[in-house]
Amino acid sequence: MAKRGRPSDLVLFVSVDFFRDPKVQALTPAERLQWLEILTEQLRTGNGAELPSHAYGCSRRRVQRFREVGLLDEVEGSLHVHKWDEWNGREAYKRFLTRERVRRFRRKRDGDL
């Protein structure tokens, strides 16, 4: 996926149910923080779903933990963030743009300029 503007313009889409997800709940607070760091680095670097080989400094044990709970998948010998494209890929970005466009249209229509 191509980068979408300056790093400060990039948006990580986190559901309001992010911390209620059973996979995330299975993590310790430190693991949750590192998971969020991985997601933001993925977005910043434009890697899409595939993690770089250094996995942003995660220990092998931590990477294995993320795999065990289902947050990382192994695809053809490399690690990928589970459902990255669904939540933060091109389709998520399109949904975000559509939501913003509809919001602006409704404000204009309702006279809330």
PDB file of N, CA and C in Angstrom:
ATOM      1  N   MET A   1       0.847  -1.171   0.000  1.00  0.00           N
ATOM      2  CA  MET A   1       0.000   0.000   0.000  1.00  0.00           C
ATOM      3  C   MET A   1       0.891   1.232   0.000  1.00  0.00           C
ATOM      4  N   ALA A   2       0.567   2.183  -0.788  1.00  0.00           N
ATOM      5  CA  ALA A   2       1.340   3.423  -0.859  1.00  0.00           C
ATOM      6  C   ALA A   2       1.066   4.293   0.355  1.00  0.00           C
ATOM      7  N   LYS A   3       2.044   5.096   0.674  1.00  0.00           N
ATOM      8  CA  LYS A   3       1.853   6.037   1.778  1.00  0.00           C
ATOM      9  C   LYS A   3       0.805   7.061   1.390  1.00  0.00           C
ATOM     10  N   ARG A   4       0.078   7.542   2.383  1.00  0.00           N
ATOM     11  CA  ARG A   4      -1.015   8.475   2.127  1.00  0.00           C
ATOM     12  C   ARG A   4      -0.708   9.809   2.781  1.00  0.00           C
ATOM     13  N   GLY A   5       0.279  10.509   2.319  1.00  0.00           N
ATOM     14  CA  GLY A   5       0.566  11.827   2.861  1.00  0.00           C
ATOM     15  C   GLY A   5       1.685  11.814   3.881  1.00  0.00           C
ATOM     16  N   ARG A   6       1.834  12.945   4.554  1.00  0.00           N
ATOM     17  CA  ARG A   6       2.863  13.058   5.587  1.00  0.00           C
ATOM     18  C   ARG A   6       2.539  12.113   6.733  1.00  0.00           C
ATOM     19  N   PRO A   7       3.559  11.647   7.483  1.00  0.00           N
ATOM     20  CA  PRO A   7       3.277  10.763   8.617  1.00  0.00           C
ATOM     21  C   PRO A   7       2.249  11.340   9.583  1.00  0.00           C
ATOM     22  N   SER A   8       2.242  12.646   9.771  1.00  0.00           N
ATOM     23  CA  SER A   8       1.264  13.234  10.693  1.00  0.00           C
ATOM     24  C   SER A   8      -0.153  13.184  10.124  1.00  0.00           C
ATOM     25  N   ASP A   9      -0.292  12.933   8.817  1.00  0.00           N
ATOM     26  CA  ASP A   9      -1.603  12.835   8.192  1.00  0.00           C
ATOM     27  C   ASP A   9      -2.147  11.411   8.201  1.00  0.00           C
ATOM     28  N   LEU A  10      -1.314  10.444   8.568  1.00  0.00           N
ATOM     29  CA  LEU A  10      -1.732   9.051   8.543  1.00  0.00           C
ATOM     30  C   LEU A  10      -2.599   8.748   9.755  1.00  0.00           C
ATOM     31  N   VAL A  11      -3.559   7.871   9.558  1.00  0.00           N
ATOM     32  CA  VAL A  11      -4.513   7.550  10.610  1.00  0.00           C
ATOM     33  C   VAL A  11      -4.532   6.044  10.820  1.00  0.00           C
ATOM     34  N   LEU A  12      -4.356   5.643  12.063  1.00  0.00           N
ATOM     35  CA  LEU A  12      -4.511   4.243  12.415  1.00  0.00           C
ATOM     36  C   LEU A  12      -5.954   4.055  12.843  1.00  0.00           C
ATOM     37  N   PHE A  13      -6.667   3.175  12.167  1.00  0.00           N
ATOM     38  CA  PHE A  13      -8.064   2.947  12.486  1.00  0.00           C
ATOM     39  C   PHE A  13      -8.159   1.917  13.604  1.00  0.00           C
ATOM     40  N   VAL A  14      -8.554   2.369  14.777  1.00  0.00           N
ATOM     41  CA  VAL A  14      -8.710   1.491  15.931  1.00  0.00           C
ATOM     42  C   VAL A  14     -10.179   1.511  16.317  1.00  0.00           C
ATOM     43  N   SER A  15     -10.786   0.360  16.310  1.00  0.00           N
ATOM     44  CA  SER A  15     -12.193   0.240  16.660  1.00  0.00           C
ATOM     45  C   SER A  15     -12.415   0.611  18.121  1.00  0.00           C
ATOM     46  N   VAL A  16     -13.615   1.098  18.414  1.00  0.00           N
ATOM     47  CA  VAL A  16     -13.943   1.393  19.809  1.00  0.00           C
ATOM     48  C   VAL A  16     -13.928   0.114  20.643  1.00  0.00           C
ATOM     49  N   ASP A  17     -14.009  -1.025  19.998  1.00  0.00           N
ATOM     50  CA  ASP A  17     -13.971  -2.312  20.682  1.00  0.00           C
ATOM     51  C   ASP A  17     -12.577  -2.933  20.700  1.00  0.00           C
ATOM     52  N   PHE A  18     -11.557  -2.147  20.342  1.00  0.00           N
ATOM     53  CA  PHE A  18     -10.191  -2.669  20.262  1.00  0.00           C
ATOM     54  C   PHE A  18      -9.790  -3.401  21.542  1.00  0.00           C
ATOM     55  N   PHE A  19      -9.987  -2.761  22.694  1.00  0.00           N
ATOM     56  CA  PHE A  19      -9.545  -3.358  23.951  1.00  0.00           C
ATOM     57  C   PHE A  19     -10.501  -4.429  24.463  1.00  0.00           C
ATOM     58  N   ARG A  20     -11.670  -4.566  23.824  1.00  0.00           N
ATOM     59  CA  ARG A  20     -12.610  -5.638  24.182  1.00  0.00           C
ATOM     60  C   ARG A  20     -12.380  -6.889  23.356  1.00  0.00           C
ATOM     61  N   ASP A  21     -11.588  -6.778  22.319  1.00  0.00           N
ATOM     62  CA  ASP A  21     -11.303  -7.928  21.469  1.00  0.00           C
ATOM     63  C   ASP A  21     -10.625  -9.012  22.309  1.00  0.00           C
ATOM     64  N   PRO A  22     -11.103 -10.255  22.230  1.00  0.00           N
ATOM     65  CA  PRO A  22     -10.508 -11.323  23.036  1.00  0.00           C
ATOM     66  C   PRO A  22      -9.008 -11.502  22.804  1.00  0.00           C
ATOM     67  N   LYS A  23      -8.559 -11.266  21.581  1.00  0.00           N
ATOM     68  CA  LYS A  23      -7.131 -11.397  21.292  1.00  0.00           C
ATOM     69  C   LYS A  23      -6.332 -10.338  22.051  1.00  0.00           C
ATOM     70  N   VAL A  24      -6.836  -9.127  22.075  1.00  0.00           N
ATOM     71  CA  VAL A  24      -6.149  -8.042  22.769  1.00  0.00           C
ATOM     72  C   VAL A  24      -6.276  -8.219  24.277  1.00  0.00           C
ATOM     73  N   GLN A  25      -7.425  -8.683  24.729  1.00  0.00           N
ATOM     74  CA  GLN A  25      -7.604  -8.918  26.161  1.00  0.00           C
ATOM     75  C   GLN A  25      -6.673  -9.999  26.691  1.00  0.00           C
ATOM     76  N   ALA A  26      -6.266 -10.910  25.827  1.00  0.00           N
ATOM     77  CA  ALA A  26      -5.359 -11.979  26.247  1.00  0.00           C
ATOM     78  C   ALA A  26      -3.947 -11.462  26.514  1.00  0.00           C
ATOM     79  N   LEU A  27      -3.658 -10.231  26.067  1.00  0.00           N
ATOM     80  CA  LEU A  27      -2.324  -9.653  26.221  1.00  0.00           C
ATOM     81  C   LEU A  27      -2.163  -8.962  27.571  1.00  0.00           C
ATOM     82  N   THR A  28      -0.938  -8.903  28.031  1.00  0.00           N
ATOM     83  CA  THR A  28      -0.635  -8.110  29.221  1.00  0.00           C
ATOM     84  C   THR A  28      -0.638  -6.639  28.811  1.00  0.00           C
ATOM     85  N   PRO A  29      -0.704  -5.707  29.757  1.00  0.00           N
ATOM     86  CA  PRO A  29      -0.631  -4.290  29.389  1.00  0.00           C
ATOM     87  C   PRO A  29       0.621  -3.940  28.574  1.00  0.00           C
ATOM     88  N   ALA A  30       1.753  -4.517  28.927  1.00  0.00           N
ATOM     89  CA  ALA A  30       2.986  -4.247  28.171  1.00  0.00           C
ATOM     90  C   ALA A  30       2.883  -4.782  26.744  1.00  0.00           C
ATOM     91  N   GLU A  31       2.268  -5.949  26.589  1.00  0.00           N
ATOM     92  CA  GLU A  31       2.088  -6.522  25.253  1.00  0.00           C
ATOM     93  C   GLU A  31       1.125  -5.672  24.427  1.00  0.00           C
ATOM     94  N   ARG A  32       0.085  -5.161  25.059  1.00  0.00           N
ATOM     95  CA  ARG A  32      -0.864  -4.287  24.342  1.00  0.00           C
ATOM     96  C   ARG A  32      -0.168  -3.042  23.822  1.00  0.00           C
ATOM     97  N   LEU A  33       0.661  -2.452  24.654  1.00  0.00           N
ATOM     98  CA  LEU A  33       1.395  -1.263  24.229  1.00  0.00           C
ATOM     99  C   LEU A  33       2.315  -1.589  23.063  1.00  0.00           C
ATOM    100  N   GLN A  34       3.024  -2.695  23.153  1.00  0.00           N
ATOM    101  CA  GLN A  34       3.916  -3.055  22.053  1.00  0.00           C
ATOM    102  C   GLN A  34       3.122  -3.366  20.791  1.00  0.00           C
ATOM    103  N   TRP A  35       1.948  -3.977  20.937  1.00  0.00           N
ATOM    104  CA  TRP A  35       1.106  -4.250  19.772  1.00  0.00           C
ATOM    105  C   TRP A  35       0.680  -2.945  19.097  1.00  0.00           C
ATOM    106  N   LEU A  36       0.270  -1.955  19.876  1.00  0.00           N
ATOM    107  CA  LEU A  36      -0.084  -0.651  19.302  1.00  0.00           C
ATOM    108  C   LEU A  36       1.131  -0.005  18.632  1.00  0.00           C
ATOM    109  N   GLU A  37       2.302  -0.154  19.213  1.00  0.00           N
ATOM    110  CA  GLU A  37       3.521   0.379  18.598  1.00  0.00           C
ATOM    111  C   GLU A  37       3.788  -0.282  17.258  1.00  0.00           C
ATOM    112  N   ILE A  38       3.587  -1.588  17.180  1.00  0.00           N
ATOM    113  CA  ILE A  38       3.767  -2.300  15.911  1.00  0.00           C
ATOM    114  C   ILE A  38       2.790  -1.769  14.873  1.00  0.00           C
ATOM    115  N   LEU A  39       1.530  -1.616  15.254  1.00  0.00           N
ATOM    116  CA  LEU A  39       0.526  -1.129  14.300  1.00  0.00           C
ATOM    117  C   LEU A  39       0.855   0.270  13.799  1.00  0.00           C
ATOM    118  N   THR A  40       1.273   1.163  14.686  1.00  0.00           N
ATOM    119  CA  THR A  40       1.589   2.521  14.246  1.00  0.00           C
ATOM    120  C   THR A  40       2.839   2.547  13.385  1.00  0.00           C
ATOM    121  N   GLU A  41       3.818   1.710  13.698  1.00  0.00           N
ATOM    122  CA  GLU A  41       5.020   1.641  12.850  1.00  0.00           C
ATOM    123  C   GLU A  41       4.686   1.081  11.478  1.00  0.00           C
ATOM    124  N   GLN A  42       3.813   0.090  11.433  1.00  0.00           N
ATOM    125  CA  GLN A  42       3.385  -0.453  10.141  1.00  0.00           C
ATOM    126  C   GLN A  42       2.770   0.632   9.279  1.00  0.00           C
ATOM    127  N   LEU A  43       1.936   1.439   9.870  1.00  0.00           N
ATOM    128  CA  LEU A  43       1.293   2.521   9.129  1.00  0.00           C
ATOM    129  C   LEU A  43       2.316   3.558   8.690  1.00  0.00           C
ATOM    130  N   ARG A  44       3.202   3.946   9.621  1.00  0.00           N
ATOM    131  CA  ARG A  44       4.188   4.974   9.336  1.00  0.00           C
ATOM    132  C   ARG A  44       5.125   4.562   8.207  1.00  0.00           C
ATOM    133  N   THR A  45       5.564   3.324   8.205  1.00  0.00           N
ATOM    134  CA  THR A  45       6.514   2.863   7.202  1.00  0.00           C
ATOM    135  C   THR A  45       5.853   2.440   5.900  1.00  0.00           C
ATOM    136  N   GLY A  46       4.522   2.299   5.918  1.00  0.00           N
ATOM    137  CA  GLY A  46       3.820   1.913   4.697  1.00  0.00           C
ATOM    138  C   GLY A  46       4.046   0.470   4.300  1.00  0.00           C
ATOM    139  N   ASN A  47       4.361  -0.380   5.279  1.00  0.00           N
ATOM    140  CA  ASN A  47       4.637  -1.787   4.982  1.00  0.00           C
ATOM    141  C   ASN A  47       3.398  -2.608   4.694  1.00  0.00           C
ATOM    142  N   GLY A  48       2.228  -2.067   4.915  1.00  0.00           N
ATOM    143  CA  GLY A  48       1.034  -2.874   4.750  1.00  0.00           C
ATOM    144  C   GLY A  48       0.989  -3.928   5.826  1.00  0.00           C
ATOM    145  N   ALA A  49       0.624  -5.144   5.457  1.00  0.00           N
ATOM    146  CA  ALA A  49       0.458  -6.199   6.446  1.00  0.00           C
ATOM    147  C   ALA A  49       1.771  -6.839   6.862  1.00  0.00           C
ATOM    148  N   GLU A  50       2.773  -6.832   6.001  1.00  0.00           N
ATOM    149  CA  GLU A  50       4.000  -7.587   6.262  1.00  0.00           C
ATOM    150  C   GLU A  50       4.942  -6.845   7.204  1.00  0.00           C
ATOM    151  N   LEU A  51       5.319  -7.512   8.286  1.00  0.00           N
ATOM    152  CA  LEU A  51       6.286  -6.945   9.229  1.00  0.00           C
ATOM    153  C   LEU A  51       7.699  -7.079   8.672  1.00  0.00           C
ATOM    154  N   PRO A  52       8.554  -6.095   8.957  1.00  0.00           N
ATOM    155  CA  PRO A  52       9.959  -6.252   8.569  1.00  0.00           C
ATOM    156  C   PRO A  52      10.583  -7.361   9.408  1.00  0.00           C
ATOM    157  N   SER A  53      11.709  -7.890   8.960  1.00  0.00           N
ATOM    158  CA  SER A  53      12.332  -9.019   9.652  1.00  0.00           C
ATOM    159  C   SER A  53      12.707  -8.697  11.089  1.00  0.00           C
ATOM    160  N   HIS A  54      13.005  -7.432  11.402  1.00  0.00           N
ATOM    161  CA  HIS A  54      13.391  -7.079  12.767  1.00  0.00           C
ATOM    162  C   HIS A  54      12.182  -6.933  13.692  1.00  0.00           C
ATOM    163  N   ALA A  55      10.963  -6.956  13.144  1.00  0.00           N
ATOM    164  CA  ALA A  55       9.713  -6.898  13.915  1.00  0.00           C
ATOM    165  C   ALA A  55       9.742  -5.778  14.955  1.00  0.00           C
ATOM    166  N   TYR A  56      10.360  -4.661  14.596  1.00  0.00           N
ATOM    167  CA  TYR A  56      10.398  -3.465  15.446  1.00  0.00           C
ATOM    168  C   TYR A  56      10.955  -3.746  16.841  1.00  0.00           C
ATOM    169  N   GLY A  57      11.913  -4.632  16.912  1.00  0.00           N
ATOM    170  CA  GLY A  57      12.580  -4.885  18.182  1.00  0.00           C
ATOM    171  C   GLY A  57      11.854  -5.843  19.107  1.00  0.00           C
ATOM    172  N   CYS A  58      10.802  -6.475  18.647  1.00  0.00           N
ATOM    173  CA  CYS A  58      10.097  -7.458  19.484  1.00  0.00           C
ATOM    174  C   CYS A  58      10.992  -8.674  19.705  1.00  0.00           C
ATOM    175  N   SER A  59      10.938  -9.210  20.899  1.00  0.00           N
ATOM    176  CA  SER A  59      11.659 -10.449  21.157  1.00  0.00           C
ATOM    177  C   SER A  59      10.959 -11.587  20.418  1.00  0.00           C
ATOM    178  N   ARG A  60      11.688 -12.665  20.204  1.00  0.00           N
ATOM    179  CA  ARG A  60      11.076 -13.830  19.552  1.00  0.00           C
ATOM    180  C   ARG A  60       9.906 -14.349  20.372  1.00  0.00           C
ATOM    181  N   ARG A  61      10.067 -14.294  21.679  1.00  0.00           N
ATOM    182  CA  ARG A  61       8.991 -14.754  22.570  1.00  0.00           C
ATOM    183  C   ARG A  61       7.744 -13.894  22.389  1.00  0.00           C
ATOM    184  N   ARG A  62       7.919 -12.582  22.263  1.00  0.00           N
ATOM    185  CA  ARG A  62       6.770 -11.681  22.090  1.00  0.00           C
ATOM    186  C   ARG A  62       6.119 -11.913  20.732  1.00  0.00           C
ATOM    187  N   VAL A  63       6.924 -12.078  19.694  1.00  0.00           N
ATOM    188  CA  VAL A  63       6.371 -12.370  18.363  1.00  0.00           C
ATOM    189  C   VAL A  63       5.575 -13.667  18.422  1.00  0.00           C
ATOM    190  N   GLN A  64       6.117 -14.669  19.085  1.00  0.00           N
ATOM    191  CA  GLN A  64       5.410 -15.942  19.212  1.00  0.00           C
ATOM    192  C   GLN A  64       4.102 -15.756  19.967  1.00  0.00           C
ATOM    193  N   ARG A  65       4.102 -14.928  20.968  1.00  0.00           N
ATOM    194  CA  ARG A  65       2.883 -14.643  21.747  1.00  0.00           C
ATOM    195  C   ARG A  65       1.815 -14.014  20.855  1.00  0.00           C
ATOM    196  N   PHE A  66       2.218 -13.034  20.033  1.00  0.00           N
ATOM    197  CA  PHE A  66       1.272 -12.401  19.118  1.00  0.00           C
ATOM    198  C   PHE A  66       0.727 -13.403  18.101  1.00  0.00           C
ATOM    199  N   ARG A  67       1.569 -14.349  17.711  1.00  0.00           N
ATOM    200  CA  ARG A  67       1.108 -15.397  16.791  1.00  0.00           C
ATOM    201  C   ARG A  67       0.124 -16.326  17.495  1.00  0.00           C
ATOM    202  N   GLU A  68       0.418 -16.674  18.743  1.00  0.00           N
ATOM    203  CA  GLU A  68      -0.447 -17.591  19.497  1.00  0.00           C
ATOM    204  C   GLU A  68      -1.857 -17.034  19.672  1.00  0.00           C
ATOM    205  N   VAL A  69      -1.962 -15.749  19.958  1.00  0.00           N
ATOM    206  CA  VAL A  69      -3.298 -15.173  20.174  1.00  0.00           C
ATOM    207  C   VAL A  69      -3.992 -14.811  18.863  1.00  0.00           C
ATOM    208  N   GLY A  70      -3.280 -14.886  17.737  1.00  0.00           N
ATOM    209  CA  GLY A  70      -3.903 -14.661  16.436  1.00  0.00           C
ATOM    210  C   GLY A  70      -3.766 -13.258  15.881  1.00  0.00           C
ATOM    211  N   LEU A  71      -2.839 -12.461  16.426  1.00  0.00           N
ATOM    212  CA  LEU A  71      -2.641 -11.106  15.917  1.00  0.00           C
ATOM    213  C   LEU A  71      -1.665 -11.070  14.741  1.00  0.00           C
ATOM    214  N   LEU A  72      -0.799 -12.058  14.671  1.00  0.00           N
ATOM    215  CA  LEU A  72       0.149 -12.171  13.562  1.00  0.00           C
ATOM    216  C   LEU A  72      -0.064 -13.498  12.854  1.00  0.00           C
ATOM    217  N   ASP A  73       0.041 -13.477  11.544  1.00  0.00           N
ATOM    218  CA  ASP A  73      -0.047 -14.684  10.726  1.00  0.00           C
ATOM    219  C   ASP A  73       1.270 -14.865   9.990  1.00  0.00           C
ATOM    220  N   GLU A  74       1.650 -16.127   9.772  1.00  0.00           N
ATOM    221  CA  GLU A  74       2.818 -16.396   8.939  1.00  0.00           C
ATOM    222  C   GLU A  74       2.326 -16.714   7.532  1.00  0.00           C
ATOM    223  N   VAL A  75       2.812 -15.935   6.573  1.00  0.00           N
ATOM    224  CA  VAL A  75       2.423 -16.105   5.184  1.00  0.00           C
ATOM    225  C   VAL A  75       3.702 -16.243   4.357  1.00  0.00           C
ATOM    226  N   GLU A  76       3.885 -17.417   3.773  1.00  0.00           N
ATOM    227  CA  GLU A  76       5.051 -17.685   2.932  1.00  0.00           C
ATOM    228  C   GLU A  76       6.359 -17.271   3.599  1.00  0.00           C
ATOM    229  N   GLY A  77       6.495 -17.630   4.865  1.00  0.00           N
ATOM    230  CA  GLY A  77       7.740 -17.389   5.575  1.00  0.00           C
ATOM    231  C   GLY A  77       7.921 -16.005   6.173  1.00  0.00           C
ATOM    232  N   SER A  78       6.939 -15.134   6.034  1.00  0.00           N
ATOM    233  CA  SER A  78       7.054 -13.809   6.653  1.00  0.00           C
ATOM    234  C   SER A  78       5.836 -13.547   7.530  1.00  0.00           C
ATOM    235  N   LEU A  79       6.005 -12.645   8.482  1.00  0.00           N
ATOM    236  CA  LEU A  79       4.926 -12.320   9.415  1.00  0.00           C
ATOM    237  C   LEU A  79       4.056 -11.201   8.868  1.00  0.00           C
ATOM    238  N   HIS A  80       2.746 -11.350   9.051  1.00  0.00           N
ATOM    239  CA  HIS A  80       1.778 -10.355   8.595  1.00  0.00           C
ATOM    240  C   HIS A  80       0.816 -10.045   9.725  1.00  0.00           C
ATOM    241  N   VAL A  81       0.414  -8.784   9.813  1.00  0.00           N
ATOM    242  CA  VAL A  81      -0.608  -8.396  10.781  1.00  0.00           C
ATOM    243  C   VAL A  81      -1.928  -8.983  10.315  1.00  0.00           C
ATOM    244  N   HIS A  82      -2.599  -9.691  11.207  1.00  0.00           N
ATOM    245  CA  HIS A  82      -3.873 -10.342  10.889  1.00  0.00           C
ATOM    246  C   HIS A  82      -4.914  -9.300  10.482  1.00  0.00           C
ATOM    247  N   LYS A  83      -5.509  -9.481   9.320  1.00  0.00           N
ATOM    248  CA  LYS A  83      -6.572  -8.617   8.772  1.00  0.00           C
ATOM    249  C   LYS A  83      -6.157  -7.147   8.656  1.00  0.00           C
ATOM    250  N   TRP A  84      -4.889  -6.895   8.365  1.00  0.00           N
ATOM    251  CA  TRP A  84      -4.419  -5.508   8.223  1.00  0.00           C
ATOM    252  C   TRP A  84      -5.221  -4.756   7.173  1.00  0.00           C
ATOM    253  N   ASP A  85      -5.386  -5.349   6.002  1.00  0.00           N
ATOM    254  CA  ASP A  85      -6.064  -4.650   4.911  1.00  0.00           C
ATOM    255  C   ASP A  85      -7.517  -4.345   5.243  1.00  0.00           C
ATOM    256  N   GLU A  86      -8.151  -5.223   5.995  1.00  0.00           N
ATOM    257  CA  GLU A  86      -9.550  -4.979   6.370  1.00  0.00           C
ATOM    258  C   GLU A  86      -9.676  -3.782   7.305  1.00  0.00           C
ATOM    259  N   TRP A  87      -8.727  -3.634   8.234  1.00  0.00           N
ATOM    260  CA  TRP A  87      -8.837  -2.581   9.246  1.00  0.00           C
ATOM    261  C   TRP A  87      -8.045  -1.333   8.932  1.00  0.00           C
ATOM    262  N   ASN A  88      -6.922  -1.446   8.210  1.00  0.00           N
ATOM    263  CA  ASN A  88      -6.086  -0.279   7.969  1.00  0.00           C
ATOM    264  C   ASN A  88      -5.543  -0.186   6.554  1.00  0.00           C
ATOM    265  N   GLY A  89      -6.050  -0.987   5.675  1.00  0.00           N
ATOM    266  CA  GLY A  89      -5.600  -0.946   4.296  1.00  0.00           C
ATOM    267  C   GLY A  89      -6.411   0.023   3.458  1.00  0.00           C
ATOM    268  N   ARG A  90      -6.360  -0.190   2.187  1.00  0.00           N
ATOM    269  CA  ARG A  90      -7.015   0.696   1.227  1.00  0.00           C
ATOM    270  C   ARG A  90      -8.526   0.802   1.468  1.00  0.00           C
ATOM    271  N   GLU A  91      -9.176  -0.323   1.743  1.00  0.00           N
ATOM    272  CA  GLU A  91     -10.628  -0.298   1.949  1.00  0.00           C
ATOM    273  C   GLU A  91     -11.004   0.505   3.196  1.00  0.00           C
ATOM    274  N   ALA A  92     -10.233   0.379   4.261  1.00  0.00           N
ATOM    275  CA  ALA A  92     -10.500   1.155   5.475  1.00  0.00           C
ATOM    276  C   ALA A  92     -10.321   2.639   5.198  1.00  0.00           C
ATOM    277  N   TYR A  93      -9.311   2.971   4.406  1.00  0.00           N
ATOM    278  CA  TYR A  93      -9.071   4.373   4.063  1.00  0.00           C
ATOM    279  C   TYR A  93     -10.228   4.926   3.235  1.00  0.00           C
ATOM    280  N   LYS A  94     -10.744   4.124   2.301  1.00  0.00           N
ATOM    281  CA  LYS A  94     -11.894   4.553   1.501  1.00  0.00           C
ATOM    282  C   LYS A  94     -13.115   4.780   2.396  1.00  0.00           C
ATOM    283  N   ARG A  95     -13.337   3.875   3.360  1.00  0.00           N
ATOM    284  CA  ARG A  95     -14.465   4.043   4.287  1.00  0.00           C
ATOM    285  C   ARG A  95     -14.313   5.330   5.079  1.00  0.00           C
ATOM    286  N   PHE A  96     -13.085   5.625   5.507  1.00  0.00           N
ATOM    287  CA  PHE A  96     -12.816   6.846   6.262  1.00  0.00           C
ATOM    288  C   PHE A  96     -13.144   8.075   5.418  1.00  0.00           C
ATOM    289  N   LEU A  97     -12.670   8.102   4.162  1.00  0.00           N
ATOM    290  CA  LEU A  97     -12.936   9.246   3.284  1.00  0.00           C
ATOM    291  C   LEU A  97     -14.430   9.403   3.021  1.00  0.00           C
ATOM    292  N   THR A  98     -15.122   8.312   2.794  1.00  0.00           N
ATOM    293  CA  THR A  98     -16.559   8.361   2.558  1.00  0.00           C
ATOM    294  C   THR A  98     -17.281   8.900   3.775  1.00  0.00           C
ATOM    295  N   ARG A  99     -16.903   8.415   4.951  1.00  0.00           N
ATOM    296  CA  ARG A  99     -17.523   8.881   6.196  1.00  0.00           C
ATOM    297  C   ARG A  99     -17.336  10.381   6.364  1.00  0.00           C
ATOM    298  N   GLU A 100     -16.129  10.884   6.084  1.00  0.00           N
ATOM    299  CA  GLU A 100     -15.861  12.317   6.203  1.00  0.00           C
ATOM    300  C   GLU A 100     -16.658  13.117   5.177  1.00  0.00           C
ATOM    301  N   ARG A 101     -16.737  12.612   3.950  1.00  0.00           N
ATOM    302  CA  ARG A 101     -17.484  13.308   2.900  1.00  0.00           C
ATOM    303  C   ARG A 101     -18.972  13.387   3.263  1.00  0.00           C
ATOM    304  N   VAL A 102     -19.538  12.294   3.753  1.00  0.00           N
ATOM    305  CA  VAL A 102     -20.947  12.269   4.149  1.00  0.00           C
ATOM    306  C   VAL A 102     -21.176  13.218   5.324  1.00  0.00           C
ATOM    307  N   ARG A 103     -20.257  13.235   6.271  1.00  0.00           N
ATOM    308  CA  ARG A 103     -20.381  14.131   7.429  1.00  0.00           C
ATOM    309  C   ARG A 103     -20.419  15.595   6.974  1.00  0.00           C
ATOM    310  N   ARG A 104     -19.511  15.964   6.055  1.00  0.00           N
ATOM    311  CA  ARG A 104     -19.491  17.342   5.544  1.00  0.00           C
ATOM    312  C   ARG A 104     -20.769  17.661   4.778  1.00  0.00           C
ATOM    313  N   PHE A 105     -21.250  16.712   3.975  1.00  0.00           N
ATOM    314  CA  PHE A 105     -22.488  16.914   3.212  1.00  0.00           C
ATOM    315  C   PHE A 105     -23.664  17.160   4.151  1.00  0.00           C
ATOM    316  N   ARG A 106     -23.774  16.358   5.186  1.00  0.00           N
ATOM    317  CA  ARG A 106     -24.902  16.495   6.115  1.00  0.00           C
ATOM    318  C   ARG A 106     -24.835  17.808   6.884  1.00  0.00           C
ATOM    319  N   ARG A 107     -23.621  18.220   7.268  1.00  0.00           N
ATOM    320  CA  ARG A 107     -23.490  19.511   7.951  1.00  0.00           C
ATOM    321  C   ARG A 107     -23.909  20.644   7.028  1.00  0.00           C
ATOM    322  N   LYS A 108     -23.485  20.582   5.776  1.00  0.00           N
ATOM    323  CA  LYS A 108     -23.842  21.624   4.816  1.00  0.00           C
ATOM    324  C   LYS A 108     -25.336  21.614   4.545  1.00  0.00           C
ATOM    325  N   ARG A 109     -25.895  20.442   4.366  1.00  0.00           N
ATOM    326  CA  ARG A 109     -27.333  20.300   4.102  1.00  0.00           C
ATOM    327  C   ARG A 109     -28.166  20.832   5.265  1.00  0.00           C
ATOM    328  N   ASP A 110     -27.716  20.577   6.469  1.00  0.00           N
ATOM    329  CA  ASP A 110     -28.470  20.974   7.651  1.00  0.00           C
ATOM    330  C   ASP A 110     -28.153  22.408   8.086  1.00  0.00           C
ATOM    331  N   GLY A 111     -27.290  23.091   7.329  1.00  0.00           N
ATOM    332  CA  GLY A 111     -26.969  24.478   7.625  1.00  0.00           C
ATOM    333  C   GLY A 111     -25.995  24.658   8.761  1.00  0.00           C
ATOM    334  N   ASP A 112     -25.254  23.625   9.135  1.00  0.00           N
ATOM    335  CA  ASP A 112     -24.275  23.717  10.223  1.00  0.00           C
ATOM    336  C   ASP A 112     -22.895  23.999   9.660  1.00  0.00           C
ATOM    337  N   LEU A 113     -22.757  25.066   8.894  1.00  0.00           N
ATOM    338  CA  LEU A 113     -21.467  25.393   8.304  1.00  0.00           C
ATOM    339  C   LEU A 113     -20.548  25.798   9.400  1.00  0.00           C
TER     340      LEU A 113
END
